[in-house]
Amino acid sequence: MGRGKKLDLFIGAEIDDSWAEIQTLRKTTISKEILEPSKHFLYFSKEKRRGKTVTIVGEFLLSKNDKTTTLKMLKKKLGCGGAVKENFMEFQGELKEKLRPLLIDANYRIKNGH
């Protein structure tokens, strides 16, 4: 077979161009409800990023200003860096044991076992 010839194979599958279109779109609900600190149930998780540990706490359902002020206060007391990403606060280092009493003092509740 040369370079310019096309290979014509018939496998037996029928290819149809009639794609089914989804009529109803899926509606995801992201809670934009703002809760007071005593109604939050926070949990901790730990990730490794580029060989360093990051402690993630969440989910904070607060206004944007309250999230940034809470993050600022916690970073200052812990002496570490951090950021707010999608209602979760990320702190540099393994800080679960130091974060727990600070959050309890700020009237946040923490899920059992976390």
PDB file of N, CA and C in Angstrom:
ATOM      1  N   MET A   1       0.836  -1.160   0.000  1.00  0.00           N
ATOM      2  CA  MET A   1       0.000   0.000   0.000  1.00  0.00           C
ATOM      3  C   MET A   1       0.888   1.231   0.000  1.00  0.00           C
ATOM      4  N   GLY A   2       0.612   2.120  -0.873  1.00  0.00           N
ATOM      5  CA  GLY A   2       1.410   3.326  -0.969  1.00  0.00           C
ATOM      6  C   GLY A   2       0.933   4.398  -0.004  1.00  0.00           C
ATOM      7  N   ARG A   3       1.665   5.442  -0.028  1.00  0.00           N
ATOM      8  CA  ARG A   3       1.375   6.541   0.869  1.00  0.00           C
ATOM      9  C   ARG A   3       0.094   7.272   0.511  1.00  0.00           C
ATOM     10  N   GLY A   4      -0.257   7.362  -0.726  1.00  0.00           N
ATOM     11  CA  GLY A   4      -1.398   8.140  -1.164  1.00  0.00           C
ATOM     12  C   GLY A   4      -2.718   7.395  -1.130  1.00  0.00           C
ATOM     13  N   LYS A   5      -2.711   6.084  -0.917  1.00  0.00           N
ATOM     14  CA  LYS A   5      -3.952   5.313  -0.940  1.00  0.00           C
ATOM     15  C   LYS A   5      -4.602   5.319   0.440  1.00  0.00           C
ATOM     16  N   LYS A   6      -5.933   5.395   0.447  1.00  0.00           N
ATOM     17  CA  LYS A   6      -6.667   5.353   1.700  1.00  0.00           C
ATOM     18  C   LYS A   6      -7.115   3.933   1.974  1.00  0.00           C
ATOM     19  N   LEU A   7      -7.085   3.559   3.205  1.00  0.00           N
ATOM     20  CA  LEU A   7      -7.512   2.237   3.619  1.00  0.00           C
ATOM     21  C   LEU A   7      -8.989   2.301   3.966  1.00  0.00           C
ATOM     22  N   ASP A   8      -9.806   1.519   3.334  1.00  0.00           N
ATOM     23  CA  ASP A   8     -11.247   1.525   3.553  1.00  0.00           C
ATOM     24  C   ASP A   8     -11.626   0.231   4.253  1.00  0.00           C
ATOM     25  N   LEU A   9     -11.964   0.328   5.519  1.00  0.00           N
ATOM     26  CA  LEU A   9     -12.351  -0.837   6.303  1.00  0.00           C
ATOM     27  C   LEU A   9     -13.807  -0.729   6.711  1.00  0.00           C
ATOM     28  N   PHE A  10     -14.468  -1.845   6.722  1.00  0.00           N
ATOM     29  CA  PHE A  10     -15.834  -1.887   7.219  1.00  0.00           C
ATOM     30  C   PHE A  10     -15.841  -2.823   8.412  1.00  0.00           C
ATOM     31  N   ILE A  11     -16.070  -2.268   9.598  1.00  0.00           N
ATOM     32  CA  ILE A  11     -16.016  -3.055  10.824  1.00  0.00           C
ATOM     33  C   ILE A  11     -17.390  -3.611  11.176  1.00  0.00           C
ATOM     34  N   GLY A  12     -18.430  -2.937  10.797  1.00  0.00           N
ATOM     35  CA  GLY A  12     -19.762  -3.406  11.101  1.00  0.00           C
ATOM     36  C   GLY A  12     -20.497  -2.495  12.069  1.00  0.00           C
ATOM     37  N   ALA A  13     -19.849  -1.482  12.578  1.00  0.00           N
ATOM     38  CA  ALA A  13     -20.498  -0.536  13.475  1.00  0.00           C
ATOM     39  C   ALA A  13     -21.169   0.541  12.658  1.00  0.00           C
ATOM     40  N   GLU A  14     -22.318   0.939  13.100  1.00  0.00           N
ATOM     41  CA  GLU A  14     -23.032   2.002  12.407  1.00  0.00           C
ATOM     42  C   GLU A  14     -22.855   3.301  13.192  1.00  0.00           C
ATOM     43  N   ILE A  15     -22.297   4.282  12.582  1.00  0.00           N
ATOM     44  CA  ILE A  15     -22.064   5.567  13.227  1.00  0.00           C
ATOM     45  C   ILE A  15     -23.168   6.514  12.804  1.00  0.00           C
ATOM     46  N   ASP A  16     -23.872   7.023  13.787  1.00  0.00           N
ATOM     47  CA  ASP A  16     -25.009   7.886  13.515  1.00  0.00           C
ATOM     48  C   ASP A  16     -24.720   9.265  14.096  1.00  0.00           C
ATOM     49  N   ASP A  17     -25.098  10.309  13.405  1.00  0.00           N
ATOM     50  CA  ASP A  17     -24.858  11.669  13.867  1.00  0.00           C
ATOM     51  C   ASP A  17     -26.007  12.232  14.698  1.00  0.00           C
ATOM     52  N   SER A  18     -26.914  11.412  15.147  1.00  0.00           N
ATOM     53  CA  SER A  18     -28.055  11.918  15.916  1.00  0.00           C
ATOM     54  C   SER A  18     -27.721  11.895  17.415  1.00  0.00           C
ATOM     55  N   TRP A  19     -27.108  12.967  17.866  1.00  0.00           N
ATOM     56  CA  TRP A  19     -26.760  13.100  19.278  1.00  0.00           C
ATOM     57  C   TRP A  19     -27.998  13.512  20.065  1.00  0.00           C
ATOM     58  N   ALA A  20     -28.118  12.987  21.271  1.00  0.00           N
ATOM     59  CA  ALA A  20     -29.232  13.354  22.135  1.00  0.00           C
ATOM     60  C   ALA A  20     -28.861  14.634  22.880  1.00  0.00           C
ATOM     61  N   GLU A  21     -29.730  15.599  22.825  1.00  0.00           N
ATOM     62  CA  GLU A  21     -29.479  16.871  23.488  1.00  0.00           C
ATOM     63  C   GLU A  21     -30.217  16.880  24.827  1.00  0.00           C
ATOM     64  N   ILE A  22     -29.539  17.295  25.866  1.00  0.00           N
ATOM     65  CA  ILE A  22     -30.137  17.347  27.199  1.00  0.00           C
ATOM     66  C   ILE A  22     -31.035  18.578  27.269  1.00  0.00           C
ATOM     67  N   GLN A  23     -32.298  18.329  27.560  1.00  0.00           N
ATOM     68  CA  GLN A  23     -33.261  19.428  27.594  1.00  0.00           C
ATOM     69  C   GLN A  23     -33.279  20.150  28.933  1.00  0.00           C
ATOM     70  N   THR A  24     -33.113  19.411  30.038  1.00  0.00           N
ATOM     71  CA  THR A  24     -33.133  20.037  31.357  1.00  0.00           C
ATOM     72  C   THR A  24     -31.703  20.153  31.861  1.00  0.00           C
ATOM     73  N   LEU A  25     -31.312  21.351  32.195  1.00  0.00           N
ATOM     74  CA  LEU A  25     -29.980  21.577  32.723  1.00  0.00           C
ATOM     75  C   LEU A  25     -29.960  21.244  34.201  1.00  0.00           C
ATOM     76  N   ARG A  26     -28.860  20.703  34.655  1.00  0.00           N
ATOM     77  CA  ARG A  26     -28.701  20.371  36.059  1.00  0.00           C
ATOM     78  C   ARG A  26     -28.449  21.665  36.826  1.00  0.00           C
ATOM     79  N   LYS A  27     -29.192  21.849  37.865  1.00  0.00           N
ATOM     80  CA  LYS A  27     -29.037  23.055  38.676  1.00  0.00           C
ATOM     81  C   LYS A  27     -28.312  22.695  39.958  1.00  0.00           C
ATOM     82  N   THR A  28     -27.106  23.218  40.100  1.00  0.00           N
ATOM     83  CA  THR A  28     -26.371  22.989  41.330  1.00  0.00           C
ATOM     84  C   THR A  28     -26.655  24.139  42.270  1.00  0.00           C
ATOM     85  N   THR A  29     -26.800  23.814  43.515  1.00  0.00           N
ATOM     86  CA  THR A  29     -27.081  24.853  44.501  1.00  0.00           C
ATOM     87  C   THR A  29     -25.859  25.034  45.382  1.00  0.00           C
ATOM     88  N   ILE A  30     -25.274  26.182  45.278  1.00  0.00           N
ATOM     89  CA  ILE A  30     -24.171  26.546  46.143  1.00  0.00           C
ATOM     90  C   ILE A  30     -24.745  27.458  47.206  1.00  0.00           C
ATOM     91  N   SER A  31     -24.541  27.076  48.425  1.00  0.00           N
ATOM     92  CA  SER A  31     -25.142  27.813  49.522  1.00  0.00           C
ATOM     93  C   SER A  31     -24.463  29.168  49.679  1.00  0.00           C
ATOM     94  N   LYS A  32     -25.230  30.207  49.504  1.00  0.00           N
ATOM     95  CA  LYS A  32     -24.707  31.554  49.719  1.00  0.00           C
ATOM     96  C   LYS A  32     -25.251  32.113  51.025  1.00  0.00           C
ATOM     97  N   GLU A  33     -25.766  31.214  51.846  1.00  0.00           N
ATOM     98  CA  GLU A  33     -26.331  31.603  53.122  1.00  0.00           C
ATOM     99  C   GLU A  33     -25.202  31.967  54.082  1.00  0.00           C
ATOM    100  N   ILE A  34     -25.367  33.043  54.793  1.00  0.00           N
ATOM    101  CA  ILE A  34     -24.372  33.490  55.754  1.00  0.00           C
ATOM    102  C   ILE A  34     -24.823  33.043  57.136  1.00  0.00           C
ATOM    103  N   LEU A  35     -23.961  32.277  57.808  1.00  0.00           N
ATOM    104  CA  LEU A  35     -24.271  31.761  59.131  1.00  0.00           C
ATOM    105  C   LEU A  35     -23.416  32.439  60.179  1.00  0.00           C
ATOM    106  N   GLU A  36     -23.920  32.459  61.388  1.00  0.00           N
ATOM    107  CA  GLU A  36     -23.118  32.981  62.489  1.00  0.00           C
ATOM    108  C   GLU A  36     -22.137  31.894  62.932  1.00  0.00           C
ATOM    109  N   PRO A  37     -21.058  32.262  63.616  1.00  0.00           N
ATOM    110  CA  PRO A  37     -20.011  31.288  63.948  1.00  0.00           C
ATOM    111  C   PRO A  37     -20.509  30.073  64.746  1.00  0.00           C
ATOM    112  N   SER A  38     -21.493  30.243  65.613  1.00  0.00           N
ATOM    113  CA  SER A  38     -21.936  29.122  66.439  1.00  0.00           C
ATOM    114  C   SER A  38     -22.693  28.069  65.633  1.00  0.00           C
ATOM    115  N   LYS A  39     -23.096  28.377  64.402  1.00  0.00           N
ATOM    116  CA  LYS A  39     -23.833  27.419  63.571  1.00  0.00           C
ATOM    117  C   LYS A  39     -22.949  26.702  62.560  1.00  0.00           C
ATOM    118  N   HIS A  40     -21.673  26.991  62.556  1.00  0.00           N
ATOM    119  CA  HIS A  40     -20.739  26.330  61.646  1.00  0.00           C
ATOM    120  C   HIS A  40     -20.307  24.987  62.230  1.00  0.00           C
ATOM    121  N   PHE A  41     -20.113  24.005  61.366  1.00  0.00           N
ATOM    122  CA  PHE A  41     -19.477  22.743  61.732  1.00  0.00           C
ATOM    123  C   PHE A  41     -18.241  22.616  60.870  1.00  0.00           C
ATOM    124  N   LEU A  42     -17.089  22.913  61.441  1.00  0.00           N
ATOM    125  CA  LEU A  42     -15.840  22.921  60.685  1.00  0.00           C
ATOM    126  C   LEU A  42     -15.149  21.569  60.781  1.00  0.00           C
ATOM    127  N   TYR A  43     -14.398  21.244  59.765  1.00  0.00           N
ATOM    128  CA  TYR A  43     -13.564  20.050  59.802  1.00  0.00           C
ATOM    129  C   TYR A  43     -12.207  20.385  59.219  1.00  0.00           C
ATOM    130  N   PHE A  44     -11.233  19.585  59.602  1.00  0.00           N
ATOM    131  CA  PHE A  44      -9.853  19.791  59.181  1.00  0.00           C
ATOM    132  C   PHE A  44      -9.465  18.739  58.148  1.00  0.00           C
ATOM    133  N   SER A  45      -8.607  19.132  57.243  1.00  0.00           N
ATOM    134  CA  SER A  45      -7.959  18.171  56.355  1.00  0.00           C
ATOM    135  C   SER A  45      -6.535  18.648  56.119  1.00  0.00           C
ATOM    136  N   LYS A  46      -5.703  17.719  55.696  1.00  0.00           N
ATOM    137  CA  LYS A  46      -4.288  18.012  55.519  1.00  0.00           C
ATOM    138  C   LYS A  46      -3.878  17.566  54.135  1.00  0.00           C
ATOM    139  N   GLU A  47      -3.139  18.401  53.429  1.00  0.00           N
ATOM    140  CA  GLU A  47      -2.644  18.062  52.093  1.00  0.00           C
ATOM    141  C   GLU A  47      -1.158  18.360  52.014  1.00  0.00           C
ATOM    142  N   LYS A  48      -0.509  17.684  51.102  1.00  0.00           N
ATOM    143  CA  LYS A  48       0.894  17.952  50.812  1.00  0.00           C
ATOM    144  C   LYS A  48       0.960  18.664  49.477  1.00  0.00           C
ATOM    145  N   ARG A  49       1.590  19.816  49.471  1.00  0.00           N
ATOM    146  CA  ARG A  49       1.768  20.574  48.236  1.00  0.00           C
ATOM    147  C   ARG A  49       3.227  20.948  48.091  1.00  0.00           C
ATOM    148  N   ARG A  50       3.811  20.439  47.030  1.00  0.00           N
ATOM    149  CA  ARG A  50       5.233  20.662  46.755  1.00  0.00           C
ATOM    150  C   ARG A  50       6.102  20.269  47.947  1.00  0.00           C
ATOM    151  N   GLY A  51       5.729  19.184  48.606  1.00  0.00           N
ATOM    152  CA  GLY A  51       6.512  18.683  49.724  1.00  0.00           C
ATOM    153  C   GLY A  51       6.243  19.367  51.042  1.00  0.00           C
ATOM    154  N   LYS A  52       5.335  20.331  51.077  1.00  0.00           N
ATOM    155  CA  LYS A  52       5.022  21.048  52.318  1.00  0.00           C
ATOM    156  C   LYS A  52       3.589  20.744  52.731  1.00  0.00           C
ATOM    157  N   THR A  53       3.330  20.797  54.020  1.00  0.00           N
ATOM    158  CA  THR A  53       2.009  20.486  54.542  1.00  0.00           C
ATOM    159  C   THR A  53       1.140  21.727  54.570  1.00  0.00           C
ATOM    160  N   VAL A  54      -0.126  21.560  54.186  1.00  0.00           N
ATOM    161  CA  VAL A  54      -1.112  22.637  54.220  1.00  0.00           C
ATOM    162  C   VAL A  54      -2.307  22.125  55.027  1.00  0.00           C
ATOM    163  N   THR A  55      -2.737  22.908  56.024  1.00  0.00           N
ATOM    164  CA  THR A  55      -3.906  22.569  56.818  1.00  0.00           C
ATOM    165  C   THR A  55      -5.105  23.321  56.252  1.00  0.00           C
ATOM    166  N   ILE A  56      -6.174  22.587  55.949  1.00  0.00           N
ATOM    167  CA  ILE A  56      -7.380  23.182  55.365  1.00  0.00           C
ATOM    168  C   ILE A  56      -8.505  23.072  56.381  1.00  0.00           C
ATOM    169  N   VAL A  57      -9.187  24.183  56.628  1.00  0.00           N
ATOM    170  CA  VAL A  57     -10.295  24.235  57.581  1.00  0.00           C
ATOM    171  C   VAL A  57     -11.510  24.786  56.856  1.00  0.00           C
ATOM    172  N   GLY A  58     -12.665  24.214  57.100  1.00  0.00           N
ATOM    173  CA  GLY A  58     -13.855  24.766  56.449  1.00  0.00           C
ATOM    174  C   GLY A  58     -15.084  23.972  56.788  1.00  0.00           C
ATOM    175  N   GLU A  59     -16.114  24.340  56.305  1.00  0.00           N
ATOM    176  CA  GLU A  59     -16.446  25.321  55.300  1.00  0.00           C
ATOM    177  C   GLU A  59     -17.013  26.532  56.029  1.00  0.00           C
ATOM    178  N   PHE A  60     -16.495  27.707  55.716  1.00  0.00           N
ATOM    179  CA  PHE A  60     -16.913  28.959  56.339  1.00  0.00           C
ATOM    180  C   PHE A  60     -17.980  29.615  55.475  1.00  0.00           C
ATOM    181  N   LEU A  61     -19.172  29.757  56.018  1.00  0.00           N
ATOM    182  CA  LEU A  61     -20.267  30.429  55.322  1.00  0.00           C
ATOM    183  C   LEU A  61     -20.421  31.824  55.916  1.00  0.00           C
ATOM    184  N   LEU A  62     -19.478  32.665  55.593  1.00  0.00           N
ATOM    185  CA  LEU A  62     -19.424  34.040  56.103  1.00  0.00           C
ATOM    186  C   LEU A  62     -19.387  34.999  54.928  1.00  0.00           C
ATOM    187  N   SER A  63     -19.598  36.268  55.227  1.00  0.00           N
ATOM    188  CA  SER A  63     -19.423  37.269  54.180  1.00  0.00           C
ATOM    189  C   SER A  63     -17.929  37.397  53.872  1.00  0.00           C
ATOM    190  N   LYS A  64     -17.622  37.987  52.746  1.00  0.00           N
ATOM    191  CA  LYS A  64     -16.227  38.088  52.307  1.00  0.00           C
ATOM    192  C   LYS A  64     -15.379  38.866  53.315  1.00  0.00           C
ATOM    193  N   ASN A  65     -15.930  39.948  53.850  1.00  0.00           N
ATOM    194  CA  ASN A  65     -15.181  40.750  54.820  1.00  0.00           C
ATOM    195  C   ASN A  65     -14.929  39.969  56.104  1.00  0.00           C
ATOM    196  N   ASP A  66     -15.941  39.216  56.567  1.00  0.00           N
ATOM    197  CA  ASP A  66     -15.765  38.430  57.795  1.00  0.00           C
ATOM    198  C   ASP A  66     -14.728  37.328  57.606  1.00  0.00           C
ATOM    199  N   LYS A  67     -14.706  36.722  56.416  1.00  0.00           N
ATOM    200  CA  LYS A  67     -13.711  35.679  56.142  1.00  0.00           C
ATOM    201  C   LYS A  67     -12.294  36.245  56.201  1.00  0.00           C
ATOM    202  N   THR A  68     -12.103  37.407  55.570  1.00  0.00           N
ATOM    203  CA  THR A  68     -10.755  37.981  55.541  1.00  0.00           C
ATOM    204  C   THR A  68     -10.317  38.443  56.924  1.00  0.00           C
ATOM    205  N   THR A  69     -11.231  39.001  57.712  1.00  0.00           N
ATOM    206  CA  THR A  69     -10.843  39.432  59.068  1.00  0.00           C
ATOM    207  C   THR A  69     -10.554  38.227  59.959  1.00  0.00           C
ATOM    208  N   THR A  70     -11.337  37.157  59.815  1.00  0.00           N
ATOM    209  CA  THR A  70     -11.076  35.943  60.595  1.00  0.00           C
ATOM    210  C   THR A  70      -9.744  35.331  60.199  1.00  0.00           C
ATOM    211  N   LEU A  71      -9.474  35.279  58.905  1.00  0.00           N
ATOM    212  CA  LEU A  71      -8.202  34.739  58.428  1.00  0.00           C
ATOM    213  C   LEU A  71      -7.029  35.567  58.933  1.00  0.00           C
ATOM    214  N   LYS A  72      -7.180  36.871  58.884  1.00  0.00           N
ATOM    215  CA  LYS A  72      -6.119  37.769  59.344  1.00  0.00           C
ATOM    216  C   LYS A  72      -5.817  37.549  60.821  1.00  0.00           C
ATOM    217  N   MET A  73      -6.879  37.424  61.615  1.00  0.00           N
ATOM    218  CA  MET A  73      -6.720  37.214  63.053  1.00  0.00           C
ATOM    219  C   MET A  73      -6.026  35.884  63.334  1.00  0.00           C
ATOM    220  N   LEU A  74      -6.444  34.829  62.639  1.00  0.00           N
ATOM    221  CA  LEU A  74      -5.846  33.510  62.867  1.00  0.00           C
ATOM    222  C   LEU A  74      -4.394  33.465  62.406  1.00  0.00           C
ATOM    223  N   LYS A  75      -4.087  34.080  61.264  1.00  0.00           N
ATOM    224  CA  LYS A  75      -2.706  34.098  60.783  1.00  0.00           C
ATOM    225  C   LYS A  75      -1.801  34.849  61.750  1.00  0.00           C
ATOM    226  N   LYS A  76      -2.310  35.916  62.319  1.00  0.00           N
ATOM    227  CA  LYS A  76      -1.508  36.703  63.255  1.00  0.00           C
ATOM    228  C   LYS A  76      -1.226  35.920  64.531  1.00  0.00           C
ATOM    229  N   LYS A  77      -2.248  35.217  65.044  1.00  0.00           N
ATOM    230  CA  LYS A  77      -2.058  34.446  66.274  1.00  0.00           C
ATOM    231  C   LYS A  77      -1.184  33.219  66.059  1.00  0.00           C
ATOM    232  N   LEU A  78      -1.251  32.628  64.861  1.00  0.00           N
ATOM    233  CA  LEU A  78      -0.465  31.429  64.575  1.00  0.00           C
ATOM    234  C   LEU A  78       0.933  31.745  64.057  1.00  0.00           C
ATOM    235  N   GLY A  79       1.098  32.925  63.488  1.00  0.00           N
ATOM    236  CA  GLY A  79       2.397  33.286  62.924  1.00  0.00           C
ATOM    237  C   GLY A  79       2.720  32.507  61.663  1.00  0.00           C
ATOM    238  N   CYS A  80       1.739  32.371  60.791  1.00  0.00           N
ATOM    239  CA  CYS A  80       1.948  31.617  59.555  1.00  0.00           C
ATOM    240  C   CYS A  80       1.215  32.312  58.418  1.00  0.00           C
ATOM    241  N   GLY A  81       1.389  31.794  57.221  1.00  0.00           N
ATOM    242  CA  GLY A  81       0.692  32.314  56.055  1.00  0.00           C
ATOM    243  C   GLY A  81      -0.566  31.521  55.785  1.00  0.00           C
ATOM    244  N   GLY A  82      -1.432  32.106  54.986  1.00  0.00           N
ATOM    245  CA  GLY A  82      -2.667  31.403  54.654  1.00  0.00           C
ATOM    246  C   GLY A  82      -3.460  32.150  53.607  1.00  0.00           C
ATOM    247  N   ALA A  83      -4.551  31.527  53.180  1.00  0.00           N
ATOM    248  CA  ALA A  83      -5.408  32.118  52.150  1.00  0.00           C
ATOM    249  C   ALA A  83      -6.814  31.556  52.286  1.00  0.00           C
ATOM    250  N   VAL A  84      -7.782  32.279  51.687  1.00  0.00           N
ATOM    251  CA  VAL A  84      -9.163  31.800  51.612  1.00  0.00           C
ATOM    252  C   VAL A  84      -9.407  31.351  50.183  1.00  0.00           C
ATOM    253  N   LYS A  85      -9.846  30.110  50.021  1.00  0.00           N
ATOM    254  CA  LYS A  85     -10.168  29.577  48.691  1.00  0.00           C
ATOM    255  C   LYS A  85     -11.472  28.812  48.788  1.00  0.00           C
ATOM    256  N   GLU A  86     -12.491  29.296  48.077  1.00  0.00           N
ATOM    257  CA  GLU A  86     -13.797  28.647  47.980  1.00  0.00           C
ATOM    258  C   GLU A  86     -14.375  28.280  49.338  1.00  0.00           C
ATOM    259  N   ASN A  87     -14.505  29.227  50.223  1.00  0.00           N
ATOM    260  CA  ASN A  87     -15.084  29.064  51.564  1.00  0.00           C
ATOM    261  C   ASN A  87     -14.238  28.215  52.499  1.00  0.00           C
ATOM    262  N   PHE A  88     -13.039  27.844  52.116  1.00  0.00           N
ATOM    263  CA  PHE A  88     -12.134  27.110  52.979  1.00  0.00           C
ATOM    264  C   PHE A  88     -10.909  27.974  53.246  1.00  0.00           C
ATOM    265  N   MET A  89     -10.373  27.860  54.459  1.00  0.00           N
ATOM    266  CA  MET A  89      -9.160  28.585  54.803  1.00  0.00           C
ATOM    267  C   MET A  89      -7.993  27.607  54.776  1.00  0.00           C
ATOM    268  N   GLU A  90      -6.921  28.007  54.135  1.00  0.00           N
ATOM    269  CA  GLU A  90      -5.724  27.185  54.029  1.00  0.00           C
ATOM    270  C   GLU A  90      -4.602  27.862  54.802  1.00  0.00           C
ATOM    271  N   PHE A  91      -3.930  27.074  55.641  1.00  0.00           N
ATOM    272  CA  PHE A  91      -2.824  27.578  56.441  1.00  0.00           C
ATOM    273  C   PHE A  91      -1.575  26.784  56.125  1.00  0.00           C
ATOM    274  N   GLN A  92      -0.441  27.475  56.099  1.00  0.00           N
ATOM    275  CA  GLN A  92       0.824  26.833  55.789  1.00  0.00           C
ATOM    276  C   GLN A  92       1.340  26.124  57.034  1.00  0.00           C
ATOM    277  N   GLY A  93       1.520  24.832  56.919  1.00  0.00           N
ATOM    278  CA  GLY A  93       2.035  24.035  58.024  1.00  0.00           C
ATOM    279  C   GLY A  93       0.965  23.128  58.608  1.00  0.00           C
ATOM    280  N   GLU A  94       1.391  22.261  59.526  1.00  0.00           N
ATOM    281  CA  GLU A  94       0.476  21.350  60.199  1.00  0.00           C
ATOM    282  C   GLU A  94       0.054  22.010  61.512  1.00  0.00           C
ATOM    283  N   LEU A  95      -1.101  22.662  61.493  1.00  0.00           N
ATOM    284  CA  LEU A  95      -1.517  23.519  62.599  1.00  0.00           C
ATOM    285  C   LEU A  95      -2.842  23.113  63.228  1.00  0.00           C
ATOM    286  N   LYS A  96      -3.249  21.874  63.070  1.00  0.00           N
ATOM    287  CA  LYS A  96      -4.563  21.449  63.561  1.00  0.00           C
ATOM    288  C   LYS A  96      -4.689  21.645  65.066  1.00  0.00           C
ATOM    289  N   GLU A  97      -3.682  21.248  65.812  1.00  0.00           N
ATOM    290  CA  GLU A  97      -3.744  21.343  67.279  1.00  0.00           C
ATOM    291  C   GLU A  97      -3.711  22.787  67.772  1.00  0.00           C
ATOM    292  N   LYS A  98      -3.080  23.677  67.037  1.00  0.00           N
ATOM    293  CA  LYS A  98      -3.061  25.088  67.420  1.00  0.00           C
ATOM    294  C   LYS A  98      -4.321  25.820  66.981  1.00  0.00           C
ATOM    295  N   LEU A  99      -4.895  25.396  65.851  1.00  0.00           N
ATOM    296  CA  LEU A  99      -6.093  26.049  65.315  1.00  0.00           C
ATOM    297  C   LEU A  99      -7.348  25.724  66.118  1.00  0.00           C
ATOM    298  N   ARG A 100      -7.448  24.482  66.607  1.00  0.00           N
ATOM    299  CA  ARG A 100      -8.655  24.038  67.298  1.00  0.00           C
ATOM    300  C   ARG A 100      -9.058  24.961  68.454  1.00  0.00           C
ATOM    301  N   PRO A 101      -8.170  25.267  69.418  1.00  0.00           N
ATOM    302  CA  PRO A 101      -8.604  26.154  70.516  1.00  0.00           C
ATOM    303  C   PRO A 101      -8.921  27.582  70.066  1.00  0.00           C
ATOM    304  N   LEU A 102      -8.231  28.065  69.033  1.00  0.00           N
ATOM    305  CA  LEU A 102      -8.517  29.416  68.550  1.00  0.00           C
ATOM    306  C   LEU A 102      -9.910  29.501  67.933  1.00  0.00           C
ATOM    307  N   LEU A 103     -10.291  28.471  67.185  1.00  0.00           N
ATOM    308  CA  LEU A 103     -11.615  28.459  66.573  1.00  0.00           C
ATOM    309  C   LEU A 103     -12.712  28.255  67.611  1.00  0.00           C
ATOM    310  N   ILE A 104     -12.448  27.437  68.622  1.00  0.00           N
ATOM    311  CA  ILE A 104     -13.435  27.238  69.691  1.00  0.00           C
ATOM    312  C   ILE A 104     -13.628  28.526  70.481  1.00  0.00           C
ATOM    313  N   ASP A 105     -12.550  29.262  70.720  1.00  0.00           N
ATOM    314  CA  ASP A 105     -12.660  30.560  71.411  1.00  0.00           C
ATOM    315  C   ASP A 105     -13.450  31.568  70.584  1.00  0.00           C
ATOM    316  N   ALA A 106     -13.430  31.432  69.256  1.00  0.00           N
ATOM    317  CA  ALA A 106     -14.174  32.341  68.379  1.00  0.00           C
ATOM    318  C   ALA A 106     -15.605  31.837  68.146  1.00  0.00           C
ATOM    319  N   ASN A 107     -16.068  30.863  68.966  1.00  0.00           N
ATOM    320  CA  ASN A 107     -17.430  30.307  68.953  1.00  0.00           C
ATOM    321  C   ASN A 107     -17.739  29.437  67.739  1.00  0.00           C
ATOM    322  N   TYR A 108     -16.749  28.898  67.066  1.00  0.00           N
ATOM    323  CA  TYR A 108     -16.984  27.950  65.985  1.00  0.00           C
ATOM    324  C   TYR A 108     -17.061  26.551  66.572  1.00  0.00           C
ATOM    325  N   ARG A 109     -17.874  25.701  65.952  1.00  0.00           N
ATOM    326  CA  ARG A 109     -17.967  24.315  66.382  1.00  0.00           C
ATOM    327  C   ARG A 109     -17.202  23.452  65.400  1.00  0.00           C
ATOM    328  N   ILE A 110     -16.620  22.365  65.922  1.00  0.00           N
ATOM    329  CA  ILE A 110     -15.800  21.476  65.115  1.00  0.00           C
ATOM    330  C   ILE A 110     -16.417  20.089  65.151  1.00  0.00           C
ATOM    331  N   LYS A 111     -16.468  19.439  64.016  1.00  0.00           N
ATOM    332  CA  LYS A 111     -17.049  18.100  63.941  1.00  0.00           C
ATOM    333  C   LYS A 111     -16.250  17.146  64.796  1.00  0.00           C
ATOM    334  N   ASN A 112     -16.937  16.160  65.385  1.00  0.00           N
ATOM    335  CA  ASN A 112     -16.282  15.164  66.214  1.00  0.00           C
ATOM    336  C   ASN A 112     -15.278  14.358  65.407  1.00  0.00           C
ATOM    337  N   GLY A 113     -14.139  14.079  65.989  1.00  0.00           N
ATOM    338  CA  GLY A 113     -13.122  13.298  65.309  1.00  0.00           C
ATOM    339  C   GLY A 113     -12.214  14.124  64.437  1.00  0.00           C
ATOM    340  N   HIS A 114     -12.429  15.410  64.367  1.00  0.00           N
ATOM    341  CA  HIS A 114     -11.573  16.266  63.533  1.00  0.00           C
ATOM    342  C   HIS A 114     -10.779  17.195  64.397  1.00  0.00           C
TER     343      HIS A 114
END
